[in-house]
């Protein structure tokens, strides 16, 4: 009986870290991925707010675990959309930008 318990404990000791490592690579809730993603997102939002070109509340910025930035929402002009995309592309750590921004004048 002692032998079985020892084998089970040793097995769990070696298998558990491997299972956790696989989850960390896939799951965005892993602290390293989350911090990296939110730093990029925050940098872009800050730059857009500083430029005063469009309301930051209308442009939503999200960054995936691979450094790809997703811009959604609306802006007042094509120039503002182009500028937002340019700001995102010029931000450190960004590997790509996907935009589905649309033009929408203020109501």
C-alpha atoms as a PDB file:
ATOM      1  CA  UNK A   1       0.000   0.000   0.000  1.00  0.00           C
ATOM      2  CA  UNK A   2       2.856   2.380   0.858  1.00  0.00           C
ATOM      3  CA  UNK A   3       4.371   1.728  -2.560  1.00  0.00           C
ATOM      4  CA  UNK A   4       1.122   2.632  -4.388  1.00  0.00           C
ATOM      5  CA  UNK A   5       0.740   5.901  -2.475  1.00  0.00           C
ATOM      6  CA  UNK A   6       4.376   6.807  -3.166  1.00  0.00           C
ATOM      7  CA  UNK A   7       3.989   6.122  -6.895  1.00  0.00           C
ATOM      8  CA  UNK A   8       0.791   8.198  -7.058  1.00  0.00           C
ATOM      9  CA  UNK A   9       2.387  11.116  -5.243  1.00  0.00           C
ATOM     10  CA  UNK A  10       5.469  11.050  -7.460  1.00  0.00           C
ATOM     11  CA  UNK A  11       3.311  10.818 -10.566  1.00  0.00           C
ATOM     12  CA  UNK A  12       1.229  13.811  -9.485  1.00  0.00           C
ATOM     13  CA  UNK A  13       4.389  15.763  -8.692  1.00  0.00           C
ATOM     14  CA  UNK A  14       5.712  15.376 -12.235  1.00  0.00           C
ATOM     15  CA  UNK A  15       2.448  15.577 -14.200  1.00  0.00           C
ATOM     16  CA  UNK A  16       0.812  18.605 -12.515  1.00  0.00           C
ATOM     17  CA  UNK A  17       3.480  21.155 -13.570  1.00  0.00           C
ATOM     18  CA  UNK A  18       3.297  19.930 -17.165  1.00  0.00           C
ATOM     19  CA  UNK A  19      -0.477  20.348 -17.254  1.00  0.00           C
ATOM     20  CA  UNK A  20      -0.207  23.843 -15.781  1.00  0.00           C
ATOM     21  CA  UNK A  21       2.463  24.871 -18.305  1.00  0.00           C
ATOM     22  CA  UNK A  22       0.232  23.891 -21.207  1.00  0.00           C
ATOM     23  CA  UNK A  23      -2.679  25.901 -19.785  1.00  0.00           C
ATOM     24  CA  UNK A  24      -0.480  28.987 -19.334  1.00  0.00           C
ATOM     25  CA  UNK A  25       0.394  29.079 -23.036  1.00  0.00           C
ATOM     26  CA  UNK A  26      -3.229  28.888 -24.147  1.00  0.00           C
ATOM     27  CA  UNK A  27      -5.045  30.841 -21.450  1.00  0.00           C
ATOM     28  CA  UNK A  28      -4.963  34.686 -21.555  1.00  0.00           C
ATOM     29  CA  UNK A  29      -5.611  34.784 -17.829  1.00  0.00           C
ATOM     30  CA  UNK A  30      -2.002  33.731 -17.263  1.00  0.00           C
ATOM     31  CA  UNK A  31      -0.375  36.719 -15.524  1.00  0.00           C
ATOM     32  CA  UNK A  32       2.479  37.161 -18.019  1.00  0.00           C
ATOM     33  CA  UNK A  33       0.183  37.240 -21.059  1.00  0.00           C
ATOM     34  CA  UNK A  34      -2.366  39.433 -19.359  1.00  0.00           C
ATOM     35  CA  UNK A  35       0.192  42.043 -18.252  1.00  0.00           C
ATOM     36  CA  UNK A  36       1.827  42.146 -21.701  1.00  0.00           C
ATOM     37  CA  UNK A  37      -1.551  42.532 -23.421  1.00  0.00           C
ATOM     38  CA  UNK A  38      -2.827  45.219 -21.077  1.00  0.00           C
ATOM     39  CA  UNK A  39       0.404  47.228 -21.285  1.00  0.00           C
ATOM     40  CA  UNK A  40       0.119  47.402 -25.079  1.00  0.00           C
ATOM     41  CA  UNK A  41      -3.602  48.253 -24.880  1.00  0.00           C
ATOM     42  CA  UNK A  42      -2.974  50.983 -22.290  1.00  0.00           C
ATOM     43  CA  UNK A  43      -0.143  52.529 -24.328  1.00  0.00           C
ATOM     44  CA  UNK A  44      -2.369  52.771 -27.400  1.00  0.00           C
ATOM     45  CA  UNK A  45      -5.336  54.217 -25.480  1.00  0.00           C
ATOM     46  CA  UNK A  46      -3.065  56.794 -23.840  1.00  0.00           C
ATOM     47  CA  UNK A  47      -1.610  57.882 -27.173  1.00  0.00           C
ATOM     48  CA  UNK A  48      -5.073  58.208 -28.719  1.00  0.00           C
ATOM     49  CA  UNK A  49      -6.325  60.249 -25.763  1.00  0.00           C
ATOM     50  CA  UNK A  50      -3.294  62.560 -25.933  1.00  0.00           C
ATOM     51  CA  UNK A  51      -3.911  63.229 -29.630  1.00  0.00           C
ATOM     52  CA  UNK A  52      -7.501  64.450 -29.047  1.00  0.00           C
ATOM     53  CA  UNK A  53      -8.413  63.328 -32.563  1.00  0.00           C
ATOM     54  CA  UNK A  54     -11.415  61.298 -31.568  1.00  0.00           C
ATOM     55  CA  UNK A  55     -13.262  60.254 -28.483  1.00  0.00           C
ATOM     56  CA  UNK A  56     -11.348  57.355 -26.948  1.00  0.00           C
ATOM     57  CA  UNK A  57     -14.632  55.971 -25.648  1.00  0.00           C
ATOM     58  CA  UNK A  58     -15.733  55.314 -29.228  1.00  0.00           C
ATOM     59  CA  UNK A  59     -12.616  53.337 -30.165  1.00  0.00           C
ATOM     60  CA  UNK A  60     -12.172  50.041 -28.363  1.00  0.00           C
ATOM     61  CA  UNK A  61      -8.676  48.588 -28.199  1.00  0.00           C
ATOM     62  CA  UNK A  62      -7.899  44.968 -27.389  1.00  0.00           C
ATOM     63  CA  UNK A  63      -4.629  43.070 -27.684  1.00  0.00           C
ATOM     64  CA  UNK A  64      -4.431  39.315 -28.009  1.00  0.00           C
ATOM     65  CA  UNK A  65      -1.713  37.082 -26.568  1.00  0.00           C
ATOM     66  CA  UNK A  66       0.275  37.278 -29.829  1.00  0.00           C
ATOM     67  CA  UNK A  67       0.574  41.085 -29.802  1.00  0.00           C
ATOM     68  CA  UNK A  68      -2.144  41.628 -32.423  1.00  0.00           C
ATOM     69  CA  UNK A  69      -4.223  44.739 -31.703  1.00  0.00           C
ATOM     70  CA  UNK A  70      -7.932  44.801 -32.549  1.00  0.00           C
ATOM     71  CA  UNK A  71      -9.551  48.216 -33.066  1.00  0.00           C
ATOM     72  CA  UNK A  72     -13.356  48.288 -33.037  1.00  0.00           C
ATOM     73  CA  UNK A  73     -15.979  51.002 -32.731  1.00  0.00           C
ATOM     74  CA  UNK A  74     -16.224  54.262 -34.599  1.00  0.00           C
ATOM     75  CA  UNK A  75     -14.395  57.508 -35.351  1.00  0.00           C
ATOM     76  CA  UNK A  76     -15.516  60.839 -36.807  1.00  0.00           C
ATOM     77  CA  UNK A  77     -13.533  60.580 -40.066  1.00  0.00           C
ATOM     78  CA  UNK A  78     -11.370  58.322 -42.201  1.00  0.00           C
ATOM     79  CA  UNK A  79      -8.384  60.416 -41.161  1.00  0.00           C
ATOM     80  CA  UNK A  80      -9.092  59.613 -37.507  1.00  0.00           C
ATOM     81  CA  UNK A  81      -9.364  55.899 -38.338  1.00  0.00           C
ATOM     82  CA  UNK A  82      -6.095  56.006 -40.261  1.00  0.00           C
ATOM     83  CA  UNK A  83      -4.422  57.819 -37.379  1.00  0.00           C
ATOM     84  CA  UNK A  84      -5.671  55.276 -34.819  1.00  0.00           C
ATOM     85  CA  UNK A  85      -4.335  52.417 -36.947  1.00  0.00           C
ATOM     86  CA  UNK A  86      -1.011  54.245 -37.360  1.00  0.00           C
ATOM     87  CA  UNK A  87      -0.722  54.834 -33.605  1.00  0.00           C
ATOM     88  CA  UNK A  88      -1.420  51.165 -32.916  1.00  0.00           C
ATOM     89  CA  UNK A  89       1.128  50.001 -35.517  1.00  0.00           C
ATOM     90  CA  UNK A  90       3.769  52.329 -34.084  1.00  0.00           C
ATOM     91  CA  UNK A  91       3.389  51.075 -30.532  1.00  0.00           C
ATOM     92  CA  UNK A  92       6.156  48.901 -29.109  1.00  0.00           C
ATOM     93  CA  UNK A  93       5.225  45.226 -28.844  1.00  0.00           C
ATOM     94  CA  UNK A  94       2.523  45.319 -31.519  1.00  0.00           C
ATOM     95  CA  UNK A  95       2.893  42.576 -34.114  1.00  0.00           C
ATOM     96  CA  UNK A  96      -0.160  43.431 -36.178  1.00  0.00           C
ATOM     97  CA  UNK A  97      -3.295  45.586 -36.267  1.00  0.00           C
ATOM     98  CA  UNK A  98      -6.816  44.518 -37.240  1.00  0.00           C
ATOM     99  CA  UNK A  99      -9.329  47.334 -37.611  1.00  0.00           C
ATOM    100  CA  UNK A 100     -13.080  47.226 -38.042  1.00  0.00           C
ATOM    101  CA  UNK A 101     -13.508  50.928 -37.214  1.00  0.00           C
ATOM    102  CA  UNK A 102     -16.334  52.732 -38.992  1.00  0.00           C
ATOM    103  CA  UNK A 103     -17.047  56.400 -39.627  1.00  0.00           C
ATOM    104  CA  UNK A 104     -19.836  57.806 -37.490  1.00  0.00           C
ATOM    105  CA  UNK A 105     -20.490  61.498 -37.048  1.00  0.00           C
ATOM    106  CA  UNK A 106     -21.671  62.774 -33.661  1.00  0.00           C
ATOM    107  CA  UNK A 107     -25.417  62.528 -33.249  1.00  0.00           C
END
